Structures are given as C-alpha cells and as structure tokens.
PDB file of N, CA and C in Angstrom:
ATOM      1  N   MET A   1      -4.541 -50.495 -35.353  1.00  0.00           N
ATOM      2  CA  MET A   1      -5.272 -49.454 -34.616  1.00  0.00           C
ATOM      3  C   MET A   1      -4.799 -49.411 -33.157  1.00  0.00           C
ATOM      4  N   GLU A   2      -4.870 -50.564 -32.502  1.00  0.00           N
ATOM      5  CA  GLU A   2      -4.454 -50.598 -31.095  1.00  0.00           C
ATOM      6  C   GLU A   2      -2.977 -50.246 -30.944  1.00  0.00           C
ATOM      7  N   GLN A   3      -2.178 -50.720 -31.902  1.00  0.00           N
ATOM      8  CA  GLN A   3      -0.736 -50.467 -31.831  1.00  0.00           C
ATOM      9  C   GLN A   3      -0.442 -48.967 -31.880  1.00  0.00           C
ATOM     10  N   SER A   4      -1.132 -48.243 -32.779  1.00  0.00           N
ATOM     11  CA  SER A   4      -0.872 -46.807 -32.893  1.00  0.00           C
ATOM     12  C   SER A   4      -1.315 -46.072 -31.624  1.00  0.00           C
ATOM     13  N   ASP A   5      -2.439 -46.500 -31.030  1.00  0.00           N
ATOM     14  CA  ASP A   5      -2.875 -45.897 -29.766  1.00  0.00           C
ATOM     15  C   ASP A   5      -1.827 -46.134 -28.683  1.00  0.00           C
ATOM     16  N   HIS A   6      -1.312 -47.359 -28.656  1.00  0.00           N
ATOM     17  CA  HIS A   6      -0.298 -47.702 -27.663  1.00  0.00           C
ATOM     18  C   HIS A   6       0.950 -46.839 -27.857  1.00  0.00           C
ATOM     19  N   ASP A   7       1.366 -46.683 -29.118  1.00  0.00           N
ATOM     20  CA  ASP A   7       2.526 -45.837 -29.412  1.00  0.00           C
ATOM     21  C   ASP A   7       2.274 -44.404 -28.966  1.00  0.00           C
ATOM     22  N   ARG A   8       1.064 -43.932 -29.208  1.00  0.00           N
ATOM     23  CA  ARG A   8       0.730 -42.560 -28.821  1.00  0.00           C
ATOM     24  C   ARG A   8       0.810 -42.418 -27.301  1.00  0.00           C
ATOM     25  N   LEU A   9       0.316 -43.414 -26.574  1.00  0.00           N
ATOM     26  CA  LEU A   9       0.392 -43.375 -25.112  1.00  0.00           C
ATOM     27  C   LEU A   9       1.842 -43.314 -24.647  1.00  0.00           C
ATOM     28  N   ILE A  10       2.698 -44.108 -25.289  1.00  0.00           N
ATOM     29  CA  ILE A  10       4.125 -44.090 -24.932  1.00  0.00           C
ATOM     30  C   ILE A  10       4.713 -42.704 -25.197  1.00  0.00           C
ATOM     31  N   GLU A  11       4.346 -42.108 -26.344  1.00  0.00           N
ATOM     32  CA  GLU A  11       4.845 -40.765 -26.663  1.00  0.00           C
ATOM     33  C   GLU A  11       4.377 -39.756 -25.628  1.00  0.00           C
ATOM     34  N   ILE A  12       3.091 -39.839 -25.252  1.00  0.00           N
ATOM     35  CA  ILE A  12       2.549 -38.916 -24.248  1.00  0.00           C
ATOM     36  C   ILE A  12       3.299 -39.102 -22.929  1.00  0.00           C
ATOM     37  N   GLY A  13       3.523 -40.363 -22.536  1.00  0.00           N
ATOM     38  CA  GLY A  13       4.260 -40.646 -21.309  1.00  0.00           C
ATOM     39  C   GLY A  13       5.655 -40.045 -21.348  1.00  0.00           C
ATOM     40  N   ALA A  14       6.323 -40.170 -22.497  1.00  0.00           N
ATOM     41  CA  ALA A  14       7.667 -39.609 -22.644  1.00  0.00           C
ATOM     42  C   ALA A  14       7.620 -38.086 -22.551  1.00  0.00           C
ATOM     43  N   ASP A  15       6.595 -37.477 -23.169  1.00  0.00           N
ATOM     44  CA  ASP A  15       6.441 -36.021 -23.096  1.00  0.00           C
ATOM     45  C   ASP A  15       6.227 -35.582 -21.656  1.00  0.00           C
ATOM     46  N   VAL A  16       5.352 -36.291 -20.937  1.00  0.00           N
ATOM     47  CA  VAL A  16       5.075 -35.942 -19.541  1.00  0.00           C
ATOM     48  C   VAL A  16       6.349 -36.045 -18.710  1.00  0.00           C
ATOM     49  N   LYS A  17       7.110 -37.124 -18.935  1.00  0.00           N
ATOM     50  CA  LYS A  17       8.358 -37.309 -18.200  1.00  0.00           C
ATOM     51  C   LYS A  17       9.319 -36.161 -18.491  1.00  0.00           C
ATOM     52  N   TRP A  18       9.424 -35.780 -19.777  1.00  0.00           N
ATOM     53  CA  TRP A  18      10.312 -34.691 -20.183  1.00  0.00           C
ATOM     54  C   TRP A  18       9.876 -33.381 -19.538  1.00  0.00           C
ATOM     55  N   ILE A  19       8.547 -33.119 -19.561  1.00  0.00           N
ATOM     56  CA  ILE A  19       8.016 -31.888 -18.955  1.00  0.00           C
ATOM     57  C   ILE A  19       8.329 -31.873 -17.463  1.00  0.00           C
ATOM     58  N   LYS A  20       8.139 -33.012 -16.784  1.00  0.00           N
ATOM     59  CA  LYS A  20       8.423 -33.078 -15.349  1.00  0.00           C
ATOM     60  C   LYS A  20       9.895 -32.790 -15.073  1.00  0.00           C
ATOM     61  N   GLU A  21      10.791 -33.364 -15.898  1.00  0.00           N
ATOM     62  CA  GLU A  21      12.221 -33.115 -15.710  1.00  0.00           C
ATOM     63  C   GLU A  21      12.542 -31.642 -15.908  1.00  0.00           C
ATOM     64  N   LYS A  22      11.983 -31.038 -16.973  1.00  0.00           N
ATOM     65  CA  LYS A  22      12.215 -29.615 -17.238  1.00  0.00           C
ATOM     66  C   LYS A  22      11.682 -28.772 -16.085  1.00  0.00           C
ATOM     67  N   LEU A  23      10.484 -29.117 -15.602  1.00  0.00           N
ATOM     68  CA  LEU A  23       9.882 -28.363 -14.503  1.00  0.00           C
ATOM     69  C   LEU A  23      10.741 -28.465 -13.249  1.00  0.00           C
ATOM     70  N   SER A  24      11.199 -29.668 -12.912  1.00  0.00           N
ATOM     71  CA  SER A  24      11.996 -29.814 -11.699  1.00  0.00           C
ATOM     72  C   SER A  24      13.318 -29.068 -11.833  1.00  0.00           C
ATOM     73  N   ASP A  25      13.935 -29.105 -13.028  1.00  0.00           N
ATOM     74  CA  ASP A  25      15.146 -28.312 -13.258  1.00  0.00           C
ATOM     75  C   ASP A  25      14.856 -26.836 -13.035  1.00  0.00           C
ATOM     76  N   HIS A  26      13.743 -26.363 -13.603  1.00  0.00           N
ATOM     77  CA  HIS A  26      13.364 -24.962 -13.498  1.00  0.00           C
ATOM     78  C   HIS A  26      13.116 -24.594 -12.039  1.00  0.00           C
ATOM     79  N   LEU A  27      12.409 -25.472 -11.311  1.00  0.00           N
ATOM     80  CA  LEU A  27      12.096 -25.188  -9.910  1.00  0.00           C
ATOM     81  C   LEU A  27      13.365 -25.124  -9.075  1.00  0.00           C
ATOM     82  N   ILE A  28      14.324 -26.010  -9.361  1.00  0.00           N
ATOM     83  CA  ILE A  28      15.573 -26.001  -8.597  1.00  0.00           C
ATOM     84  C   ILE A  28      16.354 -24.722  -8.882  1.00  0.00           C
ATOM     85  N   LYS A  29      16.398 -24.312 -10.156  1.00  0.00           N
ATOM     86  CA  LYS A  29      17.155 -23.114 -10.519  1.00  0.00           C
ATOM     87  C   LYS A  29      16.478 -21.843 -10.021  1.00  0.00           C
ATOM     88  N   HIS A  30      15.154 -21.828 -10.049  1.00  0.00           N
ATOM     89  CA  HIS A  30      14.406 -20.608  -9.734  1.00  0.00           C
ATOM     90  C   HIS A  30      13.534 -20.808  -8.497  1.00  0.00           C
ATOM     91  N   TRP A  31      14.058 -21.506  -7.475  1.00  0.00           N
ATOM     92  CA  TRP A  31      13.226 -21.835  -6.324  1.00  0.00           C
ATOM     93  C   TRP A  31      12.800 -20.595  -5.553  1.00  0.00           C
ATOM     94  N   ARG A  32      13.618 -19.540  -5.542  1.00  0.00           N
ATOM     95  CA  ARG A  32      13.208 -18.326  -4.828  1.00  0.00           C
ATOM     96  C   ARG A  32      11.958 -17.746  -5.467  1.00  0.00           C
ATOM     97  N   PHE A  33      11.966 -17.670  -6.810  1.00  0.00           N
ATOM     98  CA  PHE A  33      10.813 -17.168  -7.550  1.00  0.00           C
ATOM     99  C   PHE A  33       9.599 -18.054  -7.298  1.00  0.00           C
ATOM    100  N   THR A  34       9.814 -19.379  -7.283  1.00  0.00           N
ATOM    101  CA  THR A  34       8.719 -20.321  -7.053  1.00  0.00           C
ATOM    102  C   THR A  34       8.110 -20.111  -5.675  1.00  0.00           C
ATOM    103  N   VAL A  35       8.963 -19.971  -4.653  1.00  0.00           N
ATOM    104  CA  VAL A  35       8.482 -19.742  -3.288  1.00  0.00           C
ATOM    105  C   VAL A  35       7.680 -18.446  -3.232  1.00  0.00           C
ATOM    106  N   LEU A  36       8.179 -17.406  -3.902  1.00  0.00           N
ATOM    107  CA  LEU A  36       7.484 -16.123  -3.935  1.00  0.00           C
ATOM    108  C   LEU A  36       6.101 -16.278  -4.546  1.00  0.00           C
ATOM    109  N   VAL A  37       6.028 -16.955  -5.702  1.00  0.00           N
ATOM    110  CA  VAL A  37       4.743 -17.140  -6.380  1.00  0.00           C
ATOM    111  C   VAL A  37       3.780 -17.932  -5.504  1.00  0.00           C
ATOM    112  N   ILE A  38       4.270 -19.018  -4.889  1.00  0.00           N
ATOM    113  CA  ILE A  38       3.400 -19.850  -4.052  1.00  0.00           C
ATOM    114  C   ILE A  38       2.888 -19.044  -2.868  1.00  0.00           C
ATOM    115  N   SER A  39       3.761 -18.269  -2.217  1.00  0.00           N
ATOM    116  CA  SER A  39       3.321 -17.489  -1.062  1.00  0.00           C
ATOM    117  C   SER A  39       2.333 -16.407  -1.481  1.00  0.00           C
ATOM    118  N   LEU A  40       2.536 -15.813  -2.671  1.00  0.00           N
ATOM    119  CA  LEU A  40       1.572 -14.836  -3.181  1.00  0.00           C
ATOM    120  C   LEU A  40       0.211 -15.482  -3.401  1.00  0.00           C
ATOM    121  N   VAL A  41       0.203 -16.659  -4.044  1.00  0.00           N
ATOM    122  CA  VAL A  41      -1.062 -17.353  -4.312  1.00  0.00           C
ATOM    123  C   VAL A  41      -1.767 -17.693  -3.006  1.00  0.00           C
ATOM    124  N   VAL A  42      -1.019 -18.233  -2.040  1.00  0.00           N
ATOM    125  CA  VAL A  42      -1.601 -18.586  -0.745  1.00  0.00           C
ATOM    126  C   VAL A  42      -2.143 -17.338  -0.058  1.00  0.00           C
ATOM    127  N   GLY A  43      -1.382 -16.243  -0.116  1.00  0.00           N
ATOM    128  CA  GLY A  43      -1.828 -14.992   0.490  1.00  0.00           C
ATOM    129  C   GLY A  43      -3.118 -14.490  -0.130  1.00  0.00           C
ATOM    130  N   VAL A  44      -3.207 -14.546  -1.455  1.00  0.00           N
ATOM    131  CA  VAL A  44      -4.420 -14.100  -2.149  1.00  0.00           C
ATOM    132  C   VAL A  44      -5.609 -14.967  -1.748  1.00  0.00           C
ATOM    133  N   ILE A  45      -5.403 -16.287  -1.688  1.00  0.00           N
ATOM    134  CA  ILE A  45      -6.490 -17.196  -1.309  1.00  0.00           C
ATOM    135  C   ILE A  45      -6.934 -16.902   0.120  1.00  0.00           C
ATOM    136  N   LEU A  46      -5.979 -16.730   1.028  1.00  0.00           N
ATOM    137  CA  LEU A  46      -6.317 -16.487   2.429  1.00  0.00           C
ATOM    138  C   LEU A  46      -7.044 -15.157   2.595  1.00  0.00           C
ATOM    139  N   THR A  47      -6.555 -14.089   1.954  1.00  0.00           N
ATOM    140  CA  THR A  47      -7.230 -12.795   2.077  1.00  0.00           C
ATOM    141  C   THR A  47      -8.601 -12.851   1.418  1.00  0.00           C
ATOM    142  N   GLY A  48      -8.722 -13.584   0.319  1.00  0.00           N
ATOM    143  CA  GLY A  48     -10.015 -13.742  -0.339  1.00  0.00           C
ATOM    144  C   GLY A  48     -11.018 -14.416   0.580  1.00  0.00           C
ATOM    145  N   LYS A  49     -10.591 -15.457   1.285  1.00  0.00           N
ATOM    146  CA  LYS A  49     -11.482 -16.146   2.220  1.00  0.00           C
ATOM    147  C   LYS A  49     -11.793 -15.243   3.410  1.00  0.00           C
ATOM    148  N   PHE A  50     -10.793 -14.488   3.848  1.00  0.00           N
ATOM    149  CA  PHE A  50     -10.966 -13.637   5.023  1.00  0.00           C
ATOM    150  C   PHE A  50     -11.985 -12.534   4.750  1.00  0.00           C
ATOM    151  N   PHE A  51     -11.936 -11.947   3.544  1.00  0.00           N
ATOM    152  CA  PHE A  51     -12.802 -10.816   3.230  1.00  0.00           C
ATOM    153  C   PHE A  51     -14.160 -11.231   2.681  1.00  0.00           C
ATOM    154  N   SER A  52     -14.305 -12.494   2.245  1.00  0.00           N
ATOM    155  CA  SER A  52     -15.589 -12.894   1.668  1.00  0.00           C
ATOM    156  C   SER A  52     -16.604 -13.246   2.750  1.00  0.00           C
TER     157      SER A  52
END
C-alpha cells in the first residue's frame, strides 16, 4: 500500500517536472505573447480596482 502511494508520488513529481520544462520552453519561445497576456491581466486588475 505505502509502496504504491510512494510510486504515485514519484510519478506526480515527474509529471510536474515535465510540465514545468514544457512551460518554460513555451514561455521562452512565446515570451512576447506571455508579456502581452501578463500586461493585459495586470491592466484589467488595475482598471477593475480603479473603477470599483
């Protein structure tokens, strides 16, 4: 029982690591798009606070 839980944790850790690597690759390749999205989100939050 404990062994299978441990194996599952290792698998989850490997998945998280893989996702992080894919995300960082994506961010490096598409950093302009990422910057645009982040600035849009920040702008929406700021205008939302300003008008509320």
